[in-house]
Amino acid sequence: MVIYSVTVILKKDTESDWLKWMKEVHVPDVMNTGYFLNWQMQKLILPEEAYDEITYVINYQAQSFQKYQLYIENEAPRLQIEHYEKFKDKFKASRSVYSSISK
């Protein structure tokens, strides 16, 4: 398994709109591409960020690195542009890829 992890730091005054849009539009659009099996979102509690920012991490689980690569090649540019156009200078994002280690 491969985990595609997206960390988003956003302005607190954008949080409710962003979270609603992520749950109702963006994450379903990512999942509907068929490249991921599951997803999970976490909100950072500690360490606390700047007083006007909040951090979320969205993890998408892919069956293989090849599935992740196909997503990056075929779908990610379009979906990332949609996110940027919707929230412009209200966020910063970084992305990482991990391999899952079994018990």
PDB file of N, CA and C in Angstrom:
ATOM      1  N   MET A   1       0.829  -1.188   0.000  1.00  0.00           N
ATOM      2  CA  MET A   1       0.000   0.000   0.000  1.00  0.00           C
ATOM      3  C   MET A   1       0.871   1.248   0.000  1.00  0.00           C
ATOM      4  N   VAL A   2       0.343   2.283  -0.612  1.00  0.00           N
ATOM      5  CA  VAL A   2       1.016   3.570  -0.677  1.00  0.00           C
ATOM      6  C   VAL A   2       0.070   4.629  -0.129  1.00  0.00           C
ATOM      7  N   ILE A   3       0.605   5.516   0.682  1.00  0.00           N
ATOM      8  CA  ILE A   3      -0.183   6.608   1.248  1.00  0.00           C
ATOM      9  C   ILE A   3       0.275   7.917   0.613  1.00  0.00           C
ATOM     10  N   TYR A   4      -0.655   8.586  -0.032  1.00  0.00           N
ATOM     11  CA  TYR A   4      -0.419   9.918  -0.590  1.00  0.00           C
ATOM     12  C   TYR A   4      -0.964  10.902   0.438  1.00  0.00           C
ATOM     13  N   SER A   5      -0.087  11.670   1.047  1.00  0.00           N
ATOM     14  CA  SER A   5      -0.439  12.546   2.154  1.00  0.00           C
ATOM     15  C   SER A   5      -0.345  14.011   1.730  1.00  0.00           C
ATOM     16  N   VAL A   6      -1.436  14.736   1.920  1.00  0.00           N
ATOM     17  CA  VAL A   6      -1.487  16.155   1.581  1.00  0.00           C
ATOM     18  C   VAL A   6      -1.692  16.939   2.875  1.00  0.00           C
ATOM     19  N   THR A   7      -0.748  17.816   3.191  1.00  0.00           N
ATOM     20  CA  THR A   7      -0.843  18.678   4.363  1.00  0.00           C
ATOM     21  C   THR A   7      -1.252  20.062   3.894  1.00  0.00           C
ATOM     22  N   VAL A   8      -2.311  20.588   4.498  1.00  0.00           N
ATOM     23  CA  VAL A   8      -2.827  21.901   4.118  1.00  0.00           C
ATOM     24  C   VAL A   8      -2.860  22.788   5.357  1.00  0.00           C
ATOM     25  N   ILE A   9      -2.206  23.924   5.258  1.00  0.00           N
ATOM     26  CA  ILE A   9      -2.250  24.937   6.310  1.00  0.00           C
ATOM     27  C   ILE A   9      -3.092  26.082   5.758  1.00  0.00           C
ATOM     28  N   LEU A  10      -4.161  26.405   6.464  1.00  0.00           N
ATOM     29  CA  LEU A  10      -5.047  27.431   5.947  1.00  0.00           C
ATOM     30  C   LEU A  10      -5.403  28.458   7.003  1.00  0.00           C
ATOM     31  N   LYS A  11      -5.884  29.571   6.547  1.00  0.00           N
ATOM     32  CA  LYS A  11      -6.332  30.643   7.427  1.00  0.00           C
ATOM     33  C   LYS A  11      -7.575  30.168   8.175  1.00  0.00           C
ATOM     34  N   LYS A  12      -7.624  30.436   9.487  1.00  0.00           N
ATOM     35  CA  LYS A  12      -8.749  29.975  10.302  1.00  0.00           C
ATOM     36  C   LYS A  12     -10.091  30.508   9.808  1.00  0.00           C
ATOM     37  N   ASP A  13     -10.096  31.717   9.251  1.00  0.00           N
ATOM     38  CA  ASP A  13     -11.371  32.270   8.781  1.00  0.00           C
ATOM     39  C   ASP A  13     -11.888  31.571   7.528  1.00  0.00           C
ATOM     40  N   THR A  14     -11.087  30.685   6.958  1.00  0.00           N
ATOM     41  CA  THR A  14     -11.472  29.911   5.778  1.00  0.00           C
ATOM     42  C   THR A  14     -11.865  28.487   6.154  1.00  0.00           C
ATOM     43  N   GLU A  15     -11.593  28.074   7.373  1.00  0.00           N
ATOM     44  CA  GLU A  15     -11.706  26.669   7.779  1.00  0.00           C
ATOM     45  C   GLU A  15     -13.062  26.046   7.483  1.00  0.00           C
ATOM     46  N   SER A  16     -14.151  26.657   7.885  1.00  0.00           N
ATOM     47  CA  SER A  16     -15.457  26.017   7.715  1.00  0.00           C
ATOM     48  C   SER A  16     -15.823  25.861   6.243  1.00  0.00           C
ATOM     49  N   ASP A  17     -15.564  26.880   5.425  1.00  0.00           N
ATOM     50  CA  ASP A  17     -15.842  26.776   3.987  1.00  0.00           C
ATOM     51  C   ASP A  17     -14.961  25.711   3.336  1.00  0.00           C
ATOM     52  N   TRP A  18     -13.678  25.721   3.707  1.00  0.00           N
ATOM     53  CA  TRP A  18     -12.735  24.758   3.141  1.00  0.00           C
ATOM     54  C   TRP A  18     -13.128  23.329   3.520  1.00  0.00           C
ATOM     55  N   LEU A  19     -13.421  23.095   4.791  1.00  0.00           N
ATOM     56  CA  LEU A  19     -13.759  21.752   5.254  1.00  0.00           C
ATOM     57  C   LEU A  19     -15.025  21.234   4.576  1.00  0.00           C
ATOM     58  N   LYS A  20     -16.015  22.070   4.459  1.00  0.00           N
ATOM     59  CA  LYS A  20     -17.266  21.690   3.774  1.00  0.00           C
ATOM     60  C   LYS A  20     -16.978  21.329   2.320  1.00  0.00           C
ATOM     61  N   TRP A  21     -16.205  22.157   1.630  1.00  0.00           N
ATOM     62  CA  TRP A  21     -15.878  21.914   0.231  1.00  0.00           C
ATOM     63  C   TRP A  21     -15.051  20.636   0.074  1.00  0.00           C
ATOM     64  N   MET A  22     -14.109  20.418   0.987  1.00  0.00           N
ATOM     65  CA  MET A  22     -13.289  19.208   0.914  1.00  0.00           C
ATOM     66  C   MET A  22     -14.144  17.960   1.050  1.00  0.00           C
ATOM     67  N   LYS A  23     -15.035  17.951   2.041  1.00  0.00           N
ATOM     68  CA  LYS A  23     -15.869  16.771   2.296  1.00  0.00           C
ATOM     69  C   LYS A  23     -16.908  16.535   1.200  1.00  0.00           C
ATOM     70  N   GLU A  24     -17.475  17.610   0.682  1.00  0.00           N
ATOM     71  CA  GLU A  24     -18.583  17.478  -0.272  1.00  0.00           C
ATOM     72  C   GLU A  24     -18.151  17.456  -1.733  1.00  0.00           C
ATOM     73  N   VAL A  25     -16.990  18.055  -2.037  1.00  0.00           N
ATOM     74  CA  VAL A  25     -16.585  18.179  -3.446  1.00  0.00           C
ATOM     75  C   VAL A  25     -15.220  17.541  -3.711  1.00  0.00           C
ATOM     76  N   HIS A  26     -14.183  18.084  -3.102  1.00  0.00           N
ATOM     77  CA  HIS A  26     -12.827  17.700  -3.492  1.00  0.00           C
ATOM     78  C   HIS A  26     -12.491  16.237  -3.197  1.00  0.00           C
ATOM     79  N   VAL A  27     -12.669  15.810  -1.969  1.00  0.00           N
ATOM     80  CA  VAL A  27     -12.329  14.418  -1.637  1.00  0.00           C
ATOM     81  C   VAL A  27     -13.177  13.439  -2.455  1.00  0.00           C
ATOM     82  N   PRO A  28     -14.500  13.650  -2.594  1.00  0.00           N
ATOM     83  CA  PRO A  28     -15.253  12.759  -3.482  1.00  0.00           C
ATOM     84  C   PRO A  28     -14.722  12.758  -4.920  1.00  0.00           C
ATOM     85  N   ASP A  29     -14.299  13.934  -5.428  1.00  0.00           N
ATOM     86  CA  ASP A  29     -13.725  13.978  -6.777  1.00  0.00           C
ATOM     87  C   ASP A  29     -12.443  13.159  -6.858  1.00  0.00           C
ATOM     88  N   VAL A  30     -11.574  13.267  -5.844  1.00  0.00           N
ATOM     89  CA  VAL A  30     -10.339  12.475  -5.826  1.00  0.00           C
ATOM     90  C   VAL A  30     -10.679  10.987  -5.781  1.00  0.00           C
ATOM     91  N   MET A  31     -11.589  10.618  -4.909  1.00  0.00           N
ATOM     92  CA  MET A  31     -11.936   9.196  -4.780  1.00  0.00           C
ATOM     93  C   MET A  31     -12.613   8.658  -6.039  1.00  0.00           C
ATOM     94  N   ASN A  32     -13.387   9.480  -6.708  1.00  0.00           N
ATOM     95  CA  ASN A  32     -14.074   9.053  -7.933  1.00  0.00           C
ATOM     96  C   ASN A  32     -13.123   8.819  -9.101  1.00  0.00           C
ATOM     97  N   THR A  33     -11.859   9.215  -8.971  1.00  0.00           N
ATOM     98  CA  THR A  33     -10.890   8.923 -10.032  1.00  0.00           C
ATOM     99  C   THR A  33     -10.602   7.426 -10.103  1.00  0.00           C
ATOM    100  N   GLY A  34     -10.851   6.704  -9.005  1.00  0.00           N
ATOM    101  CA  GLY A  34     -10.625   5.269  -8.989  1.00  0.00           C
ATOM    102  C   GLY A  34      -9.206   4.846  -8.636  1.00  0.00           C
ATOM    103  N   TYR A  35      -8.337   5.795  -8.347  1.00  0.00           N
ATOM    104  CA  TYR A  35      -6.949   5.451  -8.044  1.00  0.00           C
ATOM    105  C   TYR A  35      -6.690   5.159  -6.576  1.00  0.00           C
ATOM    106  N   PHE A  36      -7.627   5.512  -5.723  1.00  0.00           N
ATOM    107  CA  PHE A  36      -7.434   5.329  -4.282  1.00  0.00           C
ATOM    108  C   PHE A  36      -8.511   4.430  -3.693  1.00  0.00           C
ATOM    109  N   LEU A  37      -8.131   3.688  -2.647  1.00  0.00           N
ATOM    110  CA  LEU A  37      -9.032   2.750  -1.995  1.00  0.00           C
ATOM    111  C   LEU A  37      -9.779   3.386  -0.824  1.00  0.00           C
ATOM    112  N   ASN A  38      -9.123   4.333  -0.158  1.00  0.00           N
ATOM    113  CA  ASN A  38      -9.662   4.890   1.071  1.00  0.00           C
ATOM    114  C   ASN A  38      -9.013   6.237   1.324  1.00  0.00           C
ATOM    115  N   TRP A  39      -9.596   6.989   2.232  1.00  0.00           N
ATOM    116  CA  TRP A  39      -9.010   8.261   2.632  1.00  0.00           C
ATOM    117  C   TRP A  39      -9.315   8.517   4.102  1.00  0.00           C
ATOM    118  N   GLN A  40      -8.536   9.419   4.671  1.00  0.00           N
ATOM    119  CA  GLN A  40      -8.722   9.806   6.067  1.00  0.00           C
ATOM    120  C   GLN A  40      -8.204  11.226   6.221  1.00  0.00           C
ATOM    121  N   MET A  41      -8.878  11.999   7.057  1.00  0.00           N
ATOM    122  CA  MET A  41      -8.453  13.375   7.297  1.00  0.00           C
ATOM    123  C   MET A  41      -8.237  13.582   8.786  1.00  0.00           C
ATOM    124  N   GLN A  42      -7.147  14.303   9.110  1.00  0.00           N
ATOM    125  CA  GLN A  42      -6.852  14.646  10.494  1.00  0.00           C
ATOM    126  C   GLN A  42      -6.673  16.157  10.590  1.00  0.00           C
ATOM    127  N   LYS A  43      -7.050  16.683  11.777  1.00  0.00           N
ATOM    128  CA  LYS A  43      -6.832  18.089  12.096  1.00  0.00           C
ATOM    129  C   LYS A  43      -5.757  18.150  13.167  1.00  0.00           C
ATOM    130  N   LEU A  44      -4.738  18.960  12.946  1.00  0.00           N
ATOM    131  CA  LEU A  44      -3.650  19.091  13.903  1.00  0.00           C
ATOM    132  C   LEU A  44      -4.140  19.774  15.181  1.00  0.00           C
ATOM    133  N   ILE A  45      -3.830  19.154  16.310  1.00  0.00           N
ATOM    134  CA  ILE A  45      -4.159  19.731  17.611  1.00  0.00           C
ATOM    135  C   ILE A  45      -2.890  20.300  18.249  1.00  0.00           C
ATOM    136  N   LEU A  46      -1.836  19.495  18.323  1.00  0.00           N
ATOM    137  CA  LEU A  46      -0.552  19.924  18.880  1.00  0.00           C
ATOM    138  C   LEU A  46       0.558  19.531  17.933  1.00  0.00           C
ATOM    139  N   PRO A  47       1.608  20.248  17.776  1.00  0.00           N
ATOM    140  CA  PRO A  47       1.789  21.569  18.373  1.00  0.00           C
ATOM    141  C   PRO A  47       0.871  22.587  17.707  1.00  0.00           C
ATOM    142  N   GLU A  48       0.491  23.578  18.462  1.00  0.00           N
ATOM    143  CA  GLU A  48      -0.390  24.606  17.942  1.00  0.00           C
ATOM    144  C   GLU A  48       0.331  25.425  16.882  1.00  0.00           C
ATOM    145  N   GLU A  49      -0.412  25.780  15.860  1.00  0.00           N
ATOM    146  CA  GLU A  49       0.126  26.604  14.789  1.00  0.00           C
ATOM    147  C   GLU A  49      -0.023  28.075  15.158  1.00  0.00           C
ATOM    148  N   ALA A  50       0.262  28.934  14.223  1.00  0.00           N
ATOM    149  CA  ALA A  50       0.064  30.364  14.422  1.00  0.00           C
ATOM    150  C   ALA A  50      -1.400  30.623  14.775  1.00  0.00           C
ATOM    151  N   TYR A  51      -1.645  31.707  15.481  1.00  0.00           N
ATOM    152  CA  TYR A  51      -2.993  31.993  15.978  1.00  0.00           C
ATOM    153  C   TYR A  51      -4.043  32.077  14.880  1.00  0.00           C
ATOM    154  N   ASP A  52      -3.638  32.386  13.652  1.00  0.00           N
ATOM    155  CA  ASP A  52      -4.619  32.561  12.583  1.00  0.00           C
ATOM    156  C   ASP A  52      -4.596  31.447  11.545  1.00  0.00           C
ATOM    157  N   GLU A  53      -3.890  30.325  11.852  1.00  0.00           N
ATOM    158  CA  GLU A  53      -3.804  29.217  10.901  1.00  0.00           C
ATOM    159  C   GLU A  53      -4.197  27.898  11.567  1.00  0.00           C
ATOM    160  N   ILE A  54      -4.623  26.973  10.725  1.00  0.00           N
ATOM    161  CA  ILE A  54      -4.989  25.626  11.170  1.00  0.00           C
ATOM    162  C   ILE A  54      -4.435  24.630  10.142  1.00  0.00           C
ATOM    163  N   THR A  55      -4.056  23.446  10.606  1.00  0.00           N
ATOM    164  CA  THR A  55      -3.452  22.446   9.724  1.00  0.00           C
ATOM    165  C   THR A  55      -4.310  21.194   9.649  1.00  0.00           C
ATOM    166  N   TYR A  56      -4.497  20.708   8.429  1.00  0.00           N
ATOM    167  CA  TYR A  56      -5.169  19.445   8.171  1.00  0.00           C
ATOM    168  C   TYR A  56      -4.243  18.559   7.345  1.00  0.00           C
ATOM    169  N   VAL A  57      -4.386  17.252   7.537  1.00  0.00           N
ATOM    170  CA  VAL A  57      -3.665  16.273   6.730  1.00  0.00           C
ATOM    171  C   VAL A  57      -4.700  15.322   6.147  1.00  0.00           C
ATOM    172  N   ILE A  58      -4.640  15.144   4.834  1.00  0.00           N
ATOM    173  CA  ILE A  58      -5.530  14.205   4.154  1.00  0.00           C
ATOM    174  C   ILE A  58      -4.657  13.094   3.598  1.00  0.00           C
ATOM    175  N   ASN A  59      -4.949  11.853   3.991  1.00  0.00           N
ATOM    176  CA  ASN A  59      -4.206  10.687   3.524  1.00  0.00           C
ATOM    177  C   ASN A  59      -5.088   9.864   2.602  1.00  0.00           C
ATOM    178  N   TYR A  60      -4.585   9.628   1.394  1.00  0.00           N
ATOM    179  CA  TYR A  60      -5.273   8.784   0.423  1.00  0.00           C
ATOM    180  C   TYR A  60      -4.478   7.495   0.281  1.00  0.00           C
ATOM    181  N   GLN A  61      -5.154   6.354   0.339  1.00  0.00           N
ATOM    182  CA  GLN A  61      -4.484   5.056   0.286  1.00  0.00           C
ATOM    183  C   GLN A  61      -4.646   4.464  -1.116  1.00  0.00           C
ATOM    184  N   ALA A  62      -3.512   4.166  -1.745  1.00  0.00           N
ATOM    185  CA  ALA A  62      -3.499   3.544  -3.074  1.00  0.00           C
ATOM    186  C   ALA A  62      -2.982   2.115  -2.963  1.00  0.00           C
ATOM    187  N   GLN A  63      -3.438   1.273  -3.857  1.00  0.00           N
ATOM    188  CA  GLN A  63      -3.017  -0.129  -3.875  1.00  0.00           C
ATOM    189  C   GLN A  63      -1.530  -0.258  -4.195  1.00  0.00           C
ATOM    190  N   SER A  64      -0.998   0.656  -5.031  1.00  0.00           N
ATOM    191  CA  SER A  64       0.395   0.549  -5.462  1.00  0.00           C
ATOM    192  C   SER A  64       0.948   1.929  -5.814  1.00  0.00           C
ATOM    193  N   PHE A  65       2.263   1.993  -5.917  1.00  0.00           N
ATOM    194  CA  PHE A  65       2.911   3.234  -6.328  1.00  0.00           C
ATOM    195  C   PHE A  65       2.502   3.584  -7.757  1.00  0.00           C
ATOM    196  N   GLN A  66       2.280   2.578  -8.591  1.00  0.00           N
ATOM    197  CA  GLN A  66       1.854   2.810  -9.973  1.00  0.00           C
ATOM    198  C   GLN A  66       0.490   3.505 -10.027  1.00  0.00           C
ATOM    199  N   LYS A  67      -0.442   3.096  -9.147  1.00  0.00           N
ATOM    200  CA  LYS A  67      -1.760   3.759  -9.087  1.00  0.00           C
ATOM    201  C   LYS A  67      -1.589   5.229  -8.689  1.00  0.00           C
ATOM    202  N   TYR A  68      -0.742   5.475  -7.708  1.00  0.00           N
ATOM    203  CA  TYR A  68      -0.465   6.847  -7.291  1.00  0.00           C
ATOM    204  C   TYR A  68       0.093   7.643  -8.469  1.00  0.00           C
ATOM    205  N   GLN A  69       1.074   7.083  -9.192  1.00  0.00           N
ATOM    206  CA  GLN A  69       1.674   7.779 -10.323  1.00  0.00           C
ATOM    207  C   GLN A  69       0.642   8.090 -11.404  1.00  0.00           C
ATOM    208  N   LEU A  70      -0.248   7.156 -11.668  1.00  0.00           N
ATOM    209  CA  LEU A  70      -1.301   7.405 -12.661  1.00  0.00           C
ATOM    210  C   LEU A  70      -2.204   8.549 -12.221  1.00  0.00           C
ATOM    211  N   TYR A  71      -2.516   8.600 -10.934  1.00  0.00           N
ATOM    212  CA  TYR A  71      -3.315   9.709 -10.413  1.00  0.00           C
ATOM    213  C   TYR A  71      -2.582  11.031 -10.641  1.00  0.00           C
ATOM    214  N   ILE A  72      -1.303  11.080 -10.293  1.00  0.00           N
ATOM    215  CA  ILE A  72      -0.500  12.296 -10.438  1.00  0.00           C
ATOM    216  C   ILE A  72      -0.445  12.736 -11.901  1.00  0.00           C
ATOM    217  N   GLU A  73      -0.290  11.803 -12.798  1.00  0.00           N
ATOM    218  CA  GLU A  73      -0.200  12.126 -14.226  1.00  0.00           C
ATOM    219  C   GLU A  73      -1.545  12.532 -14.830  1.00  0.00           C
ATOM    220  N   ASN A  74      -2.606  11.824 -14.452  1.00  0.00           N
ATOM    221  CA  ASN A  74      -3.888  11.973 -15.151  1.00  0.00           C
ATOM    222  C   ASN A  74      -4.907  12.885 -14.480  1.00  0.00           C
ATOM    223  N   GLU A  75      -4.854  13.019 -13.168  1.00  0.00           N
ATOM    224  CA  GLU A  75      -5.916  13.723 -12.461  1.00  0.00           C
ATOM    225  C   GLU A  75      -5.464  14.858 -11.552  1.00  0.00           C
ATOM    226  N   ALA A  76      -4.313  14.704 -10.916  1.00  0.00           N
ATOM    227  CA  ALA A  76      -3.867  15.674  -9.901  1.00  0.00           C
ATOM    228  C   ALA A  76      -3.787  17.115 -10.406  1.00  0.00           C
ATOM    229  N   PRO A  77      -3.241  17.358 -11.598  1.00  0.00           N
ATOM    230  CA  PRO A  77      -3.147  18.767 -12.033  1.00  0.00           C
ATOM    231  C   PRO A  77      -4.509  19.474 -12.056  1.00  0.00           C
ATOM    232  N   ARG A  78      -5.498  18.833 -12.607  1.00  0.00           N
ATOM    233  CA  ARG A  78      -6.845  19.416 -12.686  1.00  0.00           C
ATOM    234  C   ARG A  78      -7.420  19.663 -11.295  1.00  0.00           C
ATOM    235  N   LEU A  79      -7.308  18.687 -10.413  1.00  0.00           N
ATOM    236  CA  LEU A  79      -7.885  18.813  -9.075  1.00  0.00           C
ATOM    237  C   LEU A  79      -7.132  19.829  -8.224  1.00  0.00           C
ATOM    238  N   GLN A  80      -5.828  19.900  -8.393  1.00  0.00           N
ATOM    239  CA  GLN A  80      -5.053  20.894  -7.654  1.00  0.00           C
ATOM    240  C   GLN A  80      -5.372  22.313  -8.125  1.00  0.00           C
ATOM    241  N   ILE A  81      -5.594  22.488  -9.415  1.00  0.00           N
ATOM    242  CA  ILE A  81      -5.984  23.802  -9.939  1.00  0.00           C
ATOM    243  C   ILE A  81      -7.338  24.212  -9.383  1.00  0.00           C
ATOM    244  N   GLU A  82      -8.284  23.279  -9.330  1.00  0.00           N
ATOM    245  CA  GLU A  82      -9.608  23.588  -8.756  1.00  0.00           C
ATOM    246  C   GLU A  82      -9.472  24.064  -7.312  1.00  0.00           C
ATOM    247  N   HIS A  83      -8.640  23.370  -6.538  1.00  0.00           N
ATOM    248  CA  HIS A  83      -8.416  23.736  -5.140  1.00  0.00           C
ATOM    249  C   HIS A  83      -7.792  25.129  -5.052  1.00  0.00           C
ATOM    250  N   TYR A  84      -6.779  25.361  -5.870  1.00  0.00           N
ATOM    251  CA  TYR A  84      -6.108  26.656  -5.850  1.00  0.00           C
ATOM    252  C   TYR A  84      -7.075  27.785  -6.232  1.00  0.00           C
ATOM    253  N   GLU A  85      -7.855  27.577  -7.284  1.00  0.00           N
ATOM    254  CA  GLU A  85      -8.780  28.621  -7.727  1.00  0.00           C
ATOM    255  C   GLU A  85      -9.848  28.920  -6.685  1.00  0.00           C
ATOM    256  N   LYS A  86     -10.246  27.927  -5.947  1.00  0.00           N
ATOM    257  CA  LYS A  86     -11.284  28.106  -4.926  1.00  0.00           C
ATOM    258  C   LYS A  86     -10.751  28.864  -3.703  1.00  0.00           C
ATOM    259  N   PHE A  87      -9.494  28.583  -3.292  1.00  0.00           N
ATOM    260  CA  PHE A  87      -8.984  29.132  -2.033  1.00  0.00           C
ATOM    261  C   PHE A  87      -7.733  30.007  -2.177  1.00  0.00           C
ATOM    262  N   LYS A  88      -7.229  30.140  -3.366  1.00  0.00           N
ATOM    263  CA  LYS A  88      -6.098  31.015  -3.718  1.00  0.00           C
ATOM    264  C   LYS A  88      -5.068  31.209  -2.623  1.00  0.00           C
ATOM    265  N   ASP A  89      -4.955  32.404  -2.086  1.00  0.00           N
ATOM    266  CA  ASP A  89      -3.896  32.717  -1.120  1.00  0.00           C
ATOM    267  C   ASP A  89      -4.296  32.444   0.330  1.00  0.00           C
ATOM    268  N   LYS A  90      -5.316  31.623   0.536  1.00  0.00           N
ATOM    269  CA  LYS A  90      -5.791  31.297   1.883  1.00  0.00           C
ATOM    270  C   LYS A  90      -5.157  30.021   2.437  1.00  0.00           C
ATOM    271  N   PHE A  91      -4.263  29.375   1.669  1.00  0.00           N
ATOM    272  CA  PHE A  91      -3.695  28.099   2.119  1.00  0.00           C
ATOM    273  C   PHE A  91      -2.289  27.895   1.572  1.00  0.00           C
ATOM    274  N   LYS A  92      -1.578  26.950   2.200  1.00  0.00           N
ATOM    275  CA  LYS A  92      -0.315  26.412   1.699  1.00  0.00           C
ATOM    276  C   LYS A  92      -0.469  24.901   1.744  1.00  0.00           C
ATOM    277  N   ALA A  93       0.046  24.214   0.748  1.00  0.00           N
ATOM    278  CA  ALA A  93      -0.069  22.751   0.721  1.00  0.00           C
ATOM    279  C   ALA A  93       1.291  22.121   0.451  1.00  0.00           C
ATOM    280  N   SER A  94       1.498  20.956   1.053  1.00  0.00           N
ATOM    281  CA  SER A  94       2.674  20.141   0.750  1.00  0.00           C
ATOM    282  C   SER A  94       2.206  18.698   0.620  1.00  0.00           C
ATOM    283  N   ARG A  95       2.954  17.935  -0.142  1.00  0.00           N
ATOM    284  CA  ARG A  95       2.559  16.561  -0.431  1.00  0.00           C
ATOM    285  C   ARG A  95       3.721  15.611  -0.172  1.00  0.00           C
ATOM    286  N   SER A  96       3.390  14.410   0.329  1.00  0.00           N
ATOM    287  CA  SER A  96       4.381  13.366   0.606  1.00  0.00           C
ATOM    288  C   SER A  96       3.783  12.026   0.207  1.00  0.00           C
ATOM    289  N   VAL A  97       4.640  11.058  -0.026  1.00  0.00           N
ATOM    290  CA  VAL A  97       4.201   9.708  -0.353  1.00  0.00           C
ATOM    291  C   VAL A  97       4.935   8.738   0.562  1.00  0.00           C
ATOM    292  N   TYR A  98       4.182   7.824   1.157  1.00  0.00           N
ATOM    293  CA  TYR A  98       4.722   6.847   2.098  1.00  0.00           C
ATOM    294  C   TYR A  98       4.365   5.429   1.650  1.00  0.00           C
ATOM    295  N   SER A  99       5.211   4.484   2.003  1.00  0.00           N
ATOM    296  CA  SER A  99       4.825   3.083   1.833  1.00  0.00           C
ATOM    297  C   SER A  99       4.292   2.591   3.182  1.00  0.00           C
ATOM    298  N   SER A 100       3.258   1.803   3.121  1.00  0.00           N
ATOM    299  CA  SER A 100       2.635   1.284   4.340  1.00  0.00           C
ATOM    300  C   SER A 100       3.415   0.050   4.813  1.00  0.00           C
ATOM    301  N   ILE A 101       3.671  -0.020   6.104  1.00  0.00           N
ATOM    302  CA  ILE A 101       4.381  -1.151   6.705  1.00  0.00           C
ATOM    303  C   ILE A 101       3.358  -2.002   7.461  1.00  0.00           C
ATOM    304  N   SER A 102       3.300  -3.252   7.118  1.00  0.00           N
ATOM    305  CA  SER A 102       2.359  -4.170   7.768  1.00  0.00           C
ATOM    306  C   SER A 102       2.840  -4.518   9.176  1.00  0.00           C
ATOM    307  N   LYS A 103       1.897  -4.973  10.000  1.00  0.00           N
ATOM    308  CA  LYS A 103       2.221  -5.379  11.370  1.00  0.00           C
ATOM    309  C   LYS A 103       3.051  -6.634  11.385  1.00  0.00           C
TER     310      LYS A 103
END
